Amino acid sequence: MQKKAKMVIDKEFTVAEIDKRIYGSFIEHLGRAVYDGLYQPGNPLSDEDGFRKDVIELVKELDVPIIRYPGGNFVSNFDWQDSVGPVDKRPKRLELAWRSMETNEVGLNEFSKWTNKVNSEMMMAVNLGTKGIEEACNLLEYCNYEGGTKYSNMRIAHGYKEPHKVKVWCLGNEMDGDWQLGHKTMDEYGRIAEETGKAMKLIDPSIELVACGSSNREMPTFPQWEATTLDYAYEHIDYLSLHQYYGNEANDTADFLAKSDDMEDFIKSVIATCDYIKAKKRSKKKINLSFDEWNVWYHSRSVEFDTVQNHPWQIAPPILEDIYNFEDALLVGLMLIVFMKNADRVKIGCLAQLVNVIAPIMTDQNGGAAWKQTIYYPFLHASKYGRGTVLMPIINTPVHDTLQHENISDIESITVLNEEKGEVTIFAVNRNLEDDIELTTDIRGLEGYKLAEHIVLENSDFKAYNSAGEQVVSPKTVERSKIDKGYMTSVLNKATWNVIRMVKL
């Protein structure tokens, strides 16, 4: 007997308006992300500025509204002044986070130009590891002040008369981690975040500041790190960051796909901590979340370790180049659903990263083709169709247990209403690996809509992956949904990512 699930969607069951910045990404000066990824002068595929046109088009297709830069661990030893001014006068530096050689050919102004080419905005991180308050303020002045001061005049002299107007700024990166240059205790970080935020907002009160939360949920200081940081900096920041990566080291697909539930628990815990400090301070201000590093990451760790430890000081070595498979795409889709579910508090998200380094877009080495990894597709669908108001569905679904998780829902789903475009989109993953499920959705609360299409990403091989030569895993349109008298019946095949779109009559 086929398994069945039921769902109710109604325009009155709203969560929040989605902030489009949850579909952001991340570029770090790491591996081949910048050099050989974004930037490859001399390649016939590159434009007059040396940026790869094929990569630009793939990023534009994803419609990424904000991109965090320049790190990541890289930022904690970064001197921003090395990256501006005449390129031929910029110094090469030993980059200590990934033990590579940084040429500084691409710097702050070049990256700003690239973000404009891909219709995005820059989310800048400041160095609170080996630098501090003064350098953060100088960088902000360089980027955002119109002119007439030391650093704004420096920008103008470098050929950029108009300020970059960077809106979102990260106060360091993963400062709780002992791997981070300038690693700090909770109290040390809370104090410098407070004082840096206070000073930066004196220069530009319009900016939004992101304080470092825990580097992951498993950190021994979580969630006390969040509470202590907020105790100091609450009134001077706007967001608290979360970072989390997942892997399938145990080769247990069912348990791997349950890890999106861990991500939701992480978000709920951080929200609770933010609101505890709000209550403690009797504050009227609400701190929202910036989940500014997230992805699947585990395939390439041994290569990364060998390169960093045994073959240091290379220029743009190929490290962290995970080749993603079909089950990775399913988990990425599930994680995107978690963001949408929590759109009332998660306002920024950065898929880490964007090109070549744990990325949806890859370029073959030595100037080869650019291509789409499996995880490109759920991110594309969410970014393209997940704009509007989140409607929280009421779902009755079968459940299953995995090795490390209990009562895992077979069907995970969220709905987005875009009234401006007259569209409703249901995102759904069937994470049951054995059974197709018939989902009956009560859409009487969405009167006046018809079925437009049912898109699915599926493959019988969980380990199937794409390459420059072949897109083994790619979406297709199927005839598995139908509407009759206010109810929609959809067949969600086992282990599938589904995008069901309705449009106004």
Protein backbone atom coordinates (compact mmCIF):
# COMPACT_ATOMS: atom_id res chain seq x y z
CA MET A 1 0.00 0.00 0.00
CA GLN A 2 1.36 3.42 -0.97
CA LYS A 3 2.21 5.72 1.91
CA LYS A 4 0.14 8.89 2.20
CA ALA A 5 0.61 12.32 3.73
CA LYS A 6 -1.71 15.31 4.10
CA MET A 7 -1.02 19.03 4.12
CA VAL A 8 -3.07 22.22 4.54
CA ILE A 9 -1.98 25.55 3.05
CA ASP A 10 -3.79 28.79 3.72
CA LYS A 11 -2.93 32.43 2.96
CA GLU A 12 -3.65 33.29 6.60
CA PHE A 13 -0.97 30.92 7.96
CA THR A 14 1.96 33.29 7.47
CA VAL A 15 5.44 33.09 8.99
CA ALA A 16 7.14 36.18 7.58
CA GLU A 17 8.22 37.94 4.42
CA ILE A 18 11.42 36.33 3.15
CA ASP A 19 14.48 38.55 3.18
CA LYS A 20 16.03 37.80 -0.21
CA ARG A 21 19.47 37.88 1.43
CA ILE A 22 18.91 34.34 2.76
CA TYR A 23 19.96 33.34 -0.77
CA GLY A 24 23.37 34.95 -0.34
CA SER A 25 26.74 33.28 -0.77
CA PHE A 26 30.38 33.61 0.19
CA ILE A 27 33.72 34.11 -1.55
CA GLU A 28 36.95 33.73 0.42
CA HIS A 29 40.52 34.12 -0.76
CA LEU A 30 40.95 30.38 -0.48
CA GLY A 31 42.00 27.75 -3.01
CA ARG A 32 40.74 28.44 -6.54
CA ALA A 33 37.72 30.49 -5.48
CA VAL A 34 39.07 33.85 -6.64
CA TYR A 35 42.08 33.01 -8.81
CA ASP A 36 41.11 30.46 -11.47
CA GLY A 37 37.47 30.72 -10.37
CA LEU A 38 36.23 34.29 -10.68
CA TYR A 39 39.38 35.73 -12.16
CA GLN A 40 41.46 34.34 -15.00
CA PRO A 41 43.02 37.03 -17.20
CA GLY A 42 44.16 35.77 -20.57
CA ASN A 43 41.45 33.14 -20.78
CA PRO A 44 39.27 33.65 -23.91
CA LEU A 45 36.31 33.08 -21.56
CA SER A 46 37.25 36.16 -19.50
CA ASP A 47 36.16 39.78 -19.98
CA GLU A 48 38.25 42.95 -20.22
CA ASP A 49 38.73 42.95 -16.42
CA GLY A 50 39.93 39.34 -16.32
CA PHE A 51 36.69 37.95 -14.84
CA ARG A 52 35.27 34.76 -16.31
CA LYS A 53 32.11 35.53 -18.24
CA ASP A 54 30.78 31.97 -17.99
CA VAL A 55 31.04 32.09 -14.18
CA ILE A 56 29.36 35.51 -14.14
CA GLU A 57 26.40 34.09 -16.09
CA LEU A 58 26.06 31.09 -13.77
CA VAL A 59 26.11 33.35 -10.71
CA LYS A 60 23.57 35.72 -12.29
CA GLU A 61 21.27 32.75 -12.96
CA LEU A 62 21.35 31.95 -9.22
CA ASP A 63 20.38 35.59 -8.48
CA VAL A 64 22.60 35.88 -5.39
CA PRO A 65 21.73 39.17 -3.66
CA ILE A 66 24.66 39.41 -1.22
CA ILE A 67 28.15 37.87 -1.08
CA ARG A 68 30.30 37.73 2.03
CA TYR A 69 33.96 38.69 1.49
CA PRO A 70 37.00 38.22 1.91
CA GLY A 71 36.61 35.45 4.50
CA GLY A 72 36.31 33.29 6.40
CA ASN A 73 39.48 32.34 8.21
CA PHE A 74 41.40 34.42 5.65
CA VAL A 75 40.12 37.69 7.11
CA SER A 76 41.79 37.23 10.50
CA ASN A 77 45.25 37.92 9.01
CA PHE A 78 44.11 40.26 6.23
CA ASP A 79 45.50 43.78 5.81
CA TRP A 80 42.95 45.43 3.55
CA GLN A 81 45.43 48.09 2.41
CA ASP A 82 47.47 45.35 0.69
CA SER A 83 44.50 44.80 -1.63
CA VAL A 84 43.97 48.35 -2.94
CA GLY A 85 45.93 50.76 -5.13
CA PRO A 86 47.96 49.99 -8.25
CA VAL A 87 48.03 46.23 -8.77
CA ASP A 88 51.69 46.14 -9.73
CA LYS A 89 52.62 47.73 -6.40
CA ARG A 90 50.61 45.41 -4.18
CA PRO A 91 52.65 43.06 -1.99
CA LYS A 92 52.53 39.30 -2.03
CA ARG A 93 51.77 37.96 1.44
CA LEU A 94 52.02 34.67 3.27
CA GLU A 95 48.38 33.83 3.89
CA LEU A 96 48.38 32.05 7.23
CA ALA A 97 44.85 30.63 7.49
CA TRP A 98 45.30 28.27 4.53
CA ARG A 99 49.11 28.59 4.23
CA SER A 100 48.91 29.87 0.66
CA MET A 101 50.54 32.76 -1.21
CA GLU A 102 48.21 35.74 -1.63
CA THR A 103 49.11 37.89 -4.66
CA ASN A 104 46.48 40.59 -3.99
CA GLU A 105 45.76 40.85 -7.73
CA VAL A 106 42.10 40.83 -6.86
CA GLY A 107 41.29 43.10 -3.96
CA LEU A 108 38.51 45.10 -2.44
CA ASN A 109 37.77 47.35 -5.44
CA GLU A 110 38.02 44.57 -8.00
CA PHE A 111 35.67 42.40 -5.99
CA SER A 112 33.21 45.27 -5.71
CA LYS A 113 33.33 45.60 -9.50
CA TRP A 114 32.70 41.85 -9.85
CA THR A 115 29.69 41.94 -7.50
CA ASN A 116 28.20 44.66 -9.68
CA LYS A 117 28.68 42.44 -12.73
CA VAL A 118 26.68 39.63 -11.06
CA ASN A 119 23.97 42.02 -9.73
CA SER A 120 24.93 41.45 -6.12
CA GLU A 121 26.15 43.38 -3.09
CA MET A 122 29.22 42.93 -0.94
CA MET A 123 28.99 41.83 2.71
CA MET A 124 32.35 42.86 4.16
CA ALA A 125 34.16 41.16 7.03
CA VAL A 126 36.68 43.08 9.16
CA ASN A 127 39.81 41.65 10.73
CA LEU A 128 39.36 41.39 14.50
CA GLY A 129 42.06 38.72 14.77
CA THR A 130 45.41 40.41 14.09
CA LYS A 131 43.86 43.89 13.64
CA GLY A 132 41.20 45.77 15.54
CA ILE A 133 38.97 48.82 15.95
CA GLU A 134 41.14 51.35 14.12
CA GLU A 135 41.59 49.26 10.98
CA ALA A 136 37.89 48.39 10.88
CA CYS A 137 37.02 52.09 11.01
CA ASN A 138 39.61 52.95 8.35
CA LEU A 139 38.20 50.30 6.04
CA LEU A 140 34.65 51.54 6.57
CA GLU A 141 35.76 55.11 5.82
CA TYR A 142 37.49 53.90 2.64
CA CYS A 143 34.38 52.03 1.48
CA ASN A 144 31.50 54.25 2.51
CA TYR A 145 32.52 57.86 3.12
CA GLU A 146 32.02 60.16 0.13
CA GLY A 147 35.29 62.11 0.21
CA GLY A 148 37.43 64.71 1.90
CA THR A 149 39.07 62.43 4.45
CA LYS A 150 42.26 60.38 4.42
CA TYR A 151 40.77 57.03 3.48
CA SER A 152 37.89 58.24 1.31
CA ASN A 153 40.40 60.33 -0.66
CA MET A 154 42.59 57.24 -0.93
CA ARG A 155 39.69 55.37 -2.58
CA ILE A 156 39.10 58.27 -4.97
CA ALA A 157 42.81 58.33 -5.83
CA HIS A 158 42.54 54.62 -6.62
CA GLY A 159 39.94 55.40 -9.28
CA TYR A 160 36.69 54.87 -7.38
CA LYS A 161 35.03 58.24 -6.90
CA GLU A 162 31.70 56.84 -5.75
CA PRO A 163 31.66 55.08 -2.36
CA HIS A 164 30.94 51.35 -2.34
CA LYS A 165 28.14 51.83 0.24
CA VAL A 166 28.64 48.44 1.86
CA LYS A 167 25.58 47.86 4.05
CA VAL A 168 26.39 44.68 6.03
CA TRP A 169 29.62 44.19 8.00
CA CYS A 170 30.83 41.10 9.88
CA LEU A 171 32.75 41.77 13.09
CA GLY A 172 35.43 39.14 12.55
CA ASN A 173 35.06 35.46 11.79
CA GLU A 174 34.73 32.38 14.04
CA MET A 175 36.55 34.07 16.88
CA ASP A 176 35.59 31.23 19.24
CA GLY A 177 37.76 28.77 17.28
CA ASP A 178 41.32 28.05 18.39
CA TRP A 179 42.20 27.61 14.68
CA GLN A 180 41.46 31.31 14.15
CA LEU A 181 44.35 33.75 14.15
CA GLY A 182 43.68 36.09 17.05
CA HIS A 183 41.29 33.60 18.67
CA LYS A 184 39.57 35.20 21.66
CA THR A 185 37.74 34.22 24.80
CA MET A 186 34.06 35.04 25.09
CA ASP A 187 34.72 38.16 27.14
CA GLU A 188 37.55 39.33 24.90
CA TYR A 189 35.41 38.99 21.80
CA GLY A 190 32.33 40.52 23.39
CA ARG A 191 34.31 43.61 24.36
CA ILE A 192 35.98 44.13 20.97
CA ALA A 193 32.71 43.50 19.12
CA GLU A 194 30.98 46.07 21.32
CA GLU A 195 33.67 48.71 20.90
CA THR A 196 34.20 48.09 17.17
CA GLY A 197 30.47 48.20 16.50
CA LYS A 198 30.08 51.38 18.50
CA ALA A 199 32.90 53.09 16.60
CA MET A 200 31.79 51.93 13.14
CA LYS A 201 28.25 53.20 13.65
CA LEU A 202 29.63 56.62 14.57
CA ILE A 203 31.07 56.75 11.04
CA ASP A 204 28.02 55.31 9.27
CA PRO A 205 24.88 54.80 11.38
CA SER A 206 23.10 53.16 8.42
CA ILE A 207 25.25 50.00 8.39
CA GLU A 208 24.15 46.64 9.79
CA LEU A 209 26.57 44.67 11.94
CA VAL A 210 26.91 40.91 12.37
CA ALA A 211 28.61 39.61 15.53
CA CYS A 212 30.28 36.20 15.58
CA GLY A 213 28.24 33.42 17.10
CA SER A 214 29.60 29.93 17.60
CA SER A 215 31.56 28.35 14.74
CA ASN A 216 29.24 25.35 14.98
CA ARG A 217 26.75 23.81 17.34
CA GLU A 218 29.32 21.33 18.68
CA MET A 219 31.64 23.99 20.08
CA PRO A 220 32.13 23.46 23.84
CA THR A 221 31.30 27.11 24.53
CA PHE A 222 27.92 27.00 22.71
CA PRO A 223 25.56 28.69 23.62
CA GLN A 224 27.36 30.55 26.40
CA TRP A 225 29.48 32.25 23.72
CA GLU A 226 26.32 33.75 22.20
CA ALA A 227 25.00 34.89 25.58
CA THR A 228 28.29 36.50 26.61
CA THR A 229 28.81 38.24 23.24
CA LEU A 230 25.29 39.62 23.36
CA ASP A 231 25.70 40.71 26.96
CA TYR A 232 28.39 43.10 25.76
CA ALA A 233 27.34 44.04 22.24
CA TYR A 234 23.53 43.71 22.14
CA GLU A 235 22.69 47.35 21.53
CA HIS A 236 25.45 47.85 18.92
CA ILE A 237 24.81 44.91 16.57
CA ASP A 238 21.94 43.78 14.38
CA TYR A 239 22.60 40.09 13.69
CA LEU A 240 24.30 37.13 15.30
CA SER A 241 26.05 34.67 12.98
CA LEU A 242 25.68 30.90 12.77
CA HIS A 243 27.98 28.53 10.87
CA GLN A 244 27.35 24.84 10.24
CA TYR A 245 28.56 22.21 7.78
CA TYR A 246 27.32 18.63 7.50
CA GLY A 247 28.88 15.49 6.12
CA ASN A 248 28.07 11.85 5.50
CA GLU A 249 31.28 10.34 6.83
CA ALA A 250 29.36 7.30 8.10
CA ASN A 251 27.89 6.68 4.63
CA ASP A 252 24.39 6.53 6.13
CA THR A 253 22.12 8.42 3.72
CA ALA A 254 19.00 8.27 5.91
CA ASP A 255 20.82 9.74 8.89
CA PHE A 256 22.57 12.30 6.68
CA LEU A 257 19.24 13.63 5.42
CA ALA A 258 18.00 13.94 9.01
CA LYS A 259 20.70 16.50 9.79
CA SER A 260 18.54 19.38 8.60
CA ASP A 261 16.57 18.78 11.82
CA ASP A 262 19.81 19.43 13.73
CA MET A 263 20.15 22.69 11.82
CA GLU A 264 16.66 23.76 12.86
CA ASP A 265 17.41 22.91 16.50
CA PHE A 266 20.57 25.02 16.24
CA ILE A 267 18.56 27.99 14.94
CA LYS A 268 15.93 27.64 17.67
CA SER A 269 18.63 27.49 20.36
CA VAL A 270 20.29 30.67 19.10
CA ILE A 271 16.94 32.47 18.87
CA ALA A 272 16.21 31.46 22.47
CA THR A 273 19.60 32.79 23.58
CA CYS A 274 19.07 36.11 21.76
CA ASP A 275 15.65 36.51 23.34
CA TYR A 276 16.97 35.61 26.80
CA ILE A 277 19.49 38.46 26.59
CA LYS A 278 16.77 40.75 25.24
CA ALA A 279 14.67 39.97 28.31
CA LYS A 280 17.66 40.29 30.63
CA LYS A 281 18.42 43.77 29.25
CA ARG A 282 14.74 44.82 29.11
CA SER A 283 15.49 45.78 25.52
CA LYS A 284 12.96 46.51 22.81
CA LYS A 285 15.48 45.58 20.13
CA LYS A 286 15.30 42.19 18.39
CA ILE A 287 18.48 40.48 17.21
CA ASN A 288 18.03 38.47 14.02
CA LEU A 289 20.26 35.76 12.59
CA SER A 290 22.84 35.67 9.81
CA PHE A 291 23.54 32.04 8.89
CA ASP A 292 26.55 33.18 6.92
CA GLU A 293 28.32 29.85 6.41
CA TRP A 294 26.43 26.67 5.60
CA ASN A 295 26.78 23.73 3.25
CA VAL A 296 27.75 20.09 2.94
CA TRP A 297 31.51 19.76 3.43
CA TYR A 298 33.44 16.55 3.98
CA HIS A 299 34.53 15.05 0.66
CA SER A 300 37.83 16.93 0.33
CA ARG A 301 39.17 17.17 3.87
CA SER A 302 42.13 14.80 3.40
CA VAL A 303 43.31 16.72 0.31
CA GLU A 304 42.94 19.99 2.18
CA PHE A 305 45.01 18.74 5.11
CA ASP A 306 47.81 17.40 2.91
CA THR A 307 48.07 20.59 0.83
CA VAL A 308 47.98 22.98 3.77
CA GLN A 309 50.36 20.98 5.95
CA ASN A 310 52.80 19.48 3.46
CA HIS A 311 52.72 21.74 0.39
CA PRO A 312 52.32 25.30 1.67
CA TRP A 313 52.72 28.72 0.01
CA GLN A 314 51.22 27.82 -3.34
CA ILE A 315 49.18 30.36 -5.30
CA ALA A 316 45.54 29.25 -5.47
CA PRO A 317 46.07 25.51 -4.83
CA PRO A 318 43.05 23.27 -5.48
CA ILE A 319 41.71 22.68 -1.96
CA LEU A 320 38.22 22.20 -0.49
CA GLU A 321 36.96 21.15 -3.93
CA ASP A 322 34.13 18.88 -2.85
CA ILE A 323 32.44 17.15 -5.78
CA TYR A 324 28.82 16.99 -4.69
CA ASN A 325 26.54 14.04 -5.30
CA PHE A 326 22.79 13.60 -5.42
CA GLU A 327 22.27 13.03 -1.68
CA ASP A 328 24.20 16.25 -1.00
CA ALA A 329 21.69 18.11 -3.18
CA LEU A 330 18.81 16.66 -1.16
CA LEU A 331 20.31 17.89 2.11
CA VAL A 332 21.00 21.33 0.66
CA GLY A 333 17.33 21.47 -0.35
CA LEU A 334 16.28 20.46 3.15
CA MET A 335 18.51 23.15 4.66
CA LEU A 336 16.94 25.78 2.40
CA ILE A 337 13.51 24.68 3.62
CA VAL A 338 14.74 25.23 7.20
CA PHE A 339 15.75 28.80 6.32
CA MET A 340 12.33 29.51 4.84
CA LYS A 341 10.57 28.02 7.86
CA ASN A 342 12.51 30.41 10.08
CA ALA A 343 12.25 33.48 7.86
CA ASP A 344 10.94 35.52 10.78
CA ARG A 345 14.42 35.48 12.34
CA VAL A 346 16.90 34.21 9.71
CA LYS A 347 17.44 37.25 7.49
CA ILE A 348 20.81 36.50 5.87
CA GLY A 349 22.23 33.21 4.63
CA CYS A 350 25.52 32.59 2.85
CA LEU A 351 26.02 29.31 1.03
CA ALA A 352 29.70 28.60 1.54
CA GLN A 353 31.10 29.01 -0.95
CA LEU A 354 30.21 30.06 -4.50
CA VAL A 355 32.93 28.96 -6.96
CA ASN A 356 35.35 25.97 -6.81
CA VAL A 357 35.64 25.88 -3.00
CA ILE A 358 32.79 23.74 -1.53
CA ALA A 359 30.69 25.36 -4.23
CA PRO A 360 27.71 24.94 -6.55
CA ILE A 361 29.80 26.23 -9.48
CA MET A 362 33.06 24.57 -10.60
CA THR A 363 35.66 25.44 -13.19
CA ASP A 364 38.05 22.83 -14.50
CA GLN A 365 41.68 23.65 -13.84
CA ASN A 366 43.89 25.41 -16.39
CA GLY A 367 41.13 27.44 -17.96
CA GLY A 368 38.63 24.63 -18.54
CA ALA A 369 34.86 24.79 -18.62
CA ALA A 370 32.55 26.01 -15.86
CA TRP A 371 29.74 23.70 -14.79
CA LYS A 372 26.90 23.15 -12.31
CA GLN A 373 27.26 20.84 -9.34
CA THR A 374 24.24 18.90 -8.04
CA ILE A 375 23.67 21.42 -5.23
CA TYR A 376 23.31 24.22 -7.78
CA TYR A 377 19.76 23.18 -8.57
CA PRO A 378 17.92 23.31 -5.21
CA PHE A 379 19.66 26.62 -4.51
CA LEU A 380 18.57 27.93 -7.94
CA HIS A 381 14.96 26.87 -7.36
CA ALA A 382 14.81 28.38 -3.87
CA SER A 383 16.37 31.66 -4.99
CA LYS A 384 14.17 31.89 -8.06
CA TYR A 385 10.83 30.86 -6.58
CA GLY A 386 11.34 31.37 -2.84
CA ARG A 387 10.67 35.11 -2.84
CA GLY A 388 7.60 36.39 -1.04
CA THR A 389 5.70 35.42 2.10
CA VAL A 390 6.26 32.10 3.82
CA LEU A 391 3.09 30.12 4.48
CA MET A 392 3.55 27.52 7.19
CA PRO A 393 1.91 24.29 6.06
CA ILE A 394 0.18 21.99 8.50
CA ILE A 395 1.55 18.56 7.63
CA ASN A 396 0.53 15.07 8.67
CA THR A 397 3.34 12.84 7.44
CA PRO A 398 4.69 9.36 8.20
CA VAL A 399 7.92 9.33 10.19
CA HIS A 400 10.96 7.10 10.48
CA ASP A 401 13.98 6.62 12.73
CA THR A 402 17.63 6.71 11.73
CA LEU A 403 20.77 5.67 13.56
CA GLN A 404 21.15 9.01 15.35
CA HIS A 405 17.66 10.54 15.00
CA GLU A 406 14.11 9.62 16.00
CA ASN A 407 10.73 10.53 14.52
CA ILE A 408 12.12 12.04 11.34
CA SER A 409 9.35 13.27 9.06
CA ASP A 410 9.20 11.58 5.68
CA ILE A 411 7.98 14.80 4.07
CA GLU A 412 9.60 18.16 4.76
CA SER A 413 7.86 21.07 3.06
CA ILE A 414 7.35 24.81 3.02
CA THR A 415 5.23 27.12 0.84
CA VAL A 416 6.00 30.61 -0.46
CA LEU A 417 3.32 33.03 -1.72
CA ASN A 418 4.46 35.73 -4.14
CA GLU A 419 1.35 37.88 -4.52
CA GLU A 420 3.13 40.40 -6.74
CA LYS A 421 3.80 37.69 -9.34
CA GLY A 422 0.62 35.72 -8.61
CA GLU A 423 2.59 32.59 -7.74
CA VAL A 424 2.56 29.96 -5.00
CA THR A 425 5.47 27.54 -4.73
CA ILE A 426 5.61 24.39 -2.63
CA PHE A 427 9.09 23.08 -1.86
CA ALA A 428 9.06 19.48 -0.63
CA VAL A 429 11.59 16.72 0.02
CA ASN A 430 10.60 13.10 0.44
CA ARG A 431 13.47 11.84 2.60
CA ASN A 432 12.08 8.34 2.86
CA LEU A 433 14.59 6.25 0.92
CA GLU A 434 12.27 3.30 0.31
CA ASP A 435 8.76 4.59 -0.39
CA ASP A 436 7.02 6.99 -2.73
CA ILE A 437 4.41 9.07 -0.90
CA GLU A 438 1.11 10.45 -2.13
CA LEU A 439 0.68 13.95 -0.71
CA THR A 440 -2.81 15.43 -0.63
CA THR A 441 -2.75 19.20 -0.12
CA ASP A 442 -5.81 21.20 0.92
CA ILE A 443 -5.47 24.42 -1.10
CA ARG A 444 -8.97 25.79 -0.56
CA GLY A 445 -7.32 28.73 1.21
CA LEU A 446 -5.59 29.57 -2.08
CA GLU A 447 -8.63 30.02 -4.26
CA GLY A 448 -8.00 31.04 -7.84
CA TYR A 449 -4.73 29.24 -8.53
CA LYS A 450 -3.95 26.58 -11.12
CA LEU A 451 -1.07 24.14 -11.40
CA ALA A 452 1.84 25.47 -13.46
CA GLU A 453 4.51 22.76 -13.13
CA HIS A 454 6.00 20.09 -10.91
CA ILE A 455 9.81 20.10 -11.04
CA VAL A 456 11.76 17.21 -9.55
CA LEU A 457 15.41 16.40 -8.86
CA GLU A 458 15.89 12.65 -8.55
CA ASN A 459 18.38 9.88 -9.21
CA SER A 460 18.47 6.22 -8.30
CA ASP A 461 22.13 6.55 -7.35
CA PHE A 462 22.68 8.64 -4.20
CA LYS A 463 26.36 9.00 -5.15
CA ALA A 464 25.72 10.26 -8.70
CA TYR A 465 27.53 13.52 -9.46
CA ASN A 466 27.99 16.02 -12.27
CA SER A 467 31.11 16.99 -14.21
CA ALA A 468 32.11 19.42 -16.93
CA GLY A 469 31.26 16.79 -19.48
CA GLU A 470 27.96 15.48 -18.15
CA GLN A 471 25.05 16.72 -16.03
CA VAL A 472 24.01 13.37 -14.56
CA VAL A 473 21.89 15.05 -11.87
CA SER A 474 19.63 17.80 -13.19
CA PRO A 475 15.97 18.77 -12.72
CA LYS A 476 13.10 17.77 -14.95
CA THR A 477 9.40 18.58 -15.20
CA VAL A 478 7.03 15.71 -14.41
CA GLU A 479 3.27 15.01 -14.46
CA ARG A 480 2.89 13.98 -10.82
CA SER A 481 0.48 16.62 -9.48
CA LYS A 482 -3.15 17.42 -10.23
CA ILE A 483 -5.77 19.75 -8.73
CA ASP A 484 -9.41 18.85 -8.24
CA LYS A 485 -12.02 20.80 -6.23
CA GLY A 486 -9.64 22.59 -3.89
CA TYR A 487 -7.27 19.67 -3.32
CA MET A 488 -3.98 18.90 -4.99
CA THR A 489 -2.66 15.36 -5.16
CA SER A 490 1.07 14.97 -5.71
CA VAL A 491 3.21 11.87 -5.91
CA LEU A 492 6.54 12.54 -4.24
CA ASN A 493 8.86 9.76 -5.27
CA LYS A 494 11.29 8.39 -2.70
CA ALA A 495 14.37 10.53 -2.07
CA THR A 496 13.35 13.51 -4.23
CA TRP A 497 13.50 17.30 -4.22
CA ASN A 498 10.18 18.69 -5.49
CA VAL A 499 9.15 22.18 -6.58
CA ILE A 500 5.40 22.46 -7.24
CA ARG A 501 4.37 25.80 -8.71
CA MET A 502 0.89 27.28 -8.96
CA VAL A 503 -0.11 30.51 -10.73
CA LYS A 504 -3.19 32.69 -10.55
CA LEU A 505 -5.94 31.95 -13.04
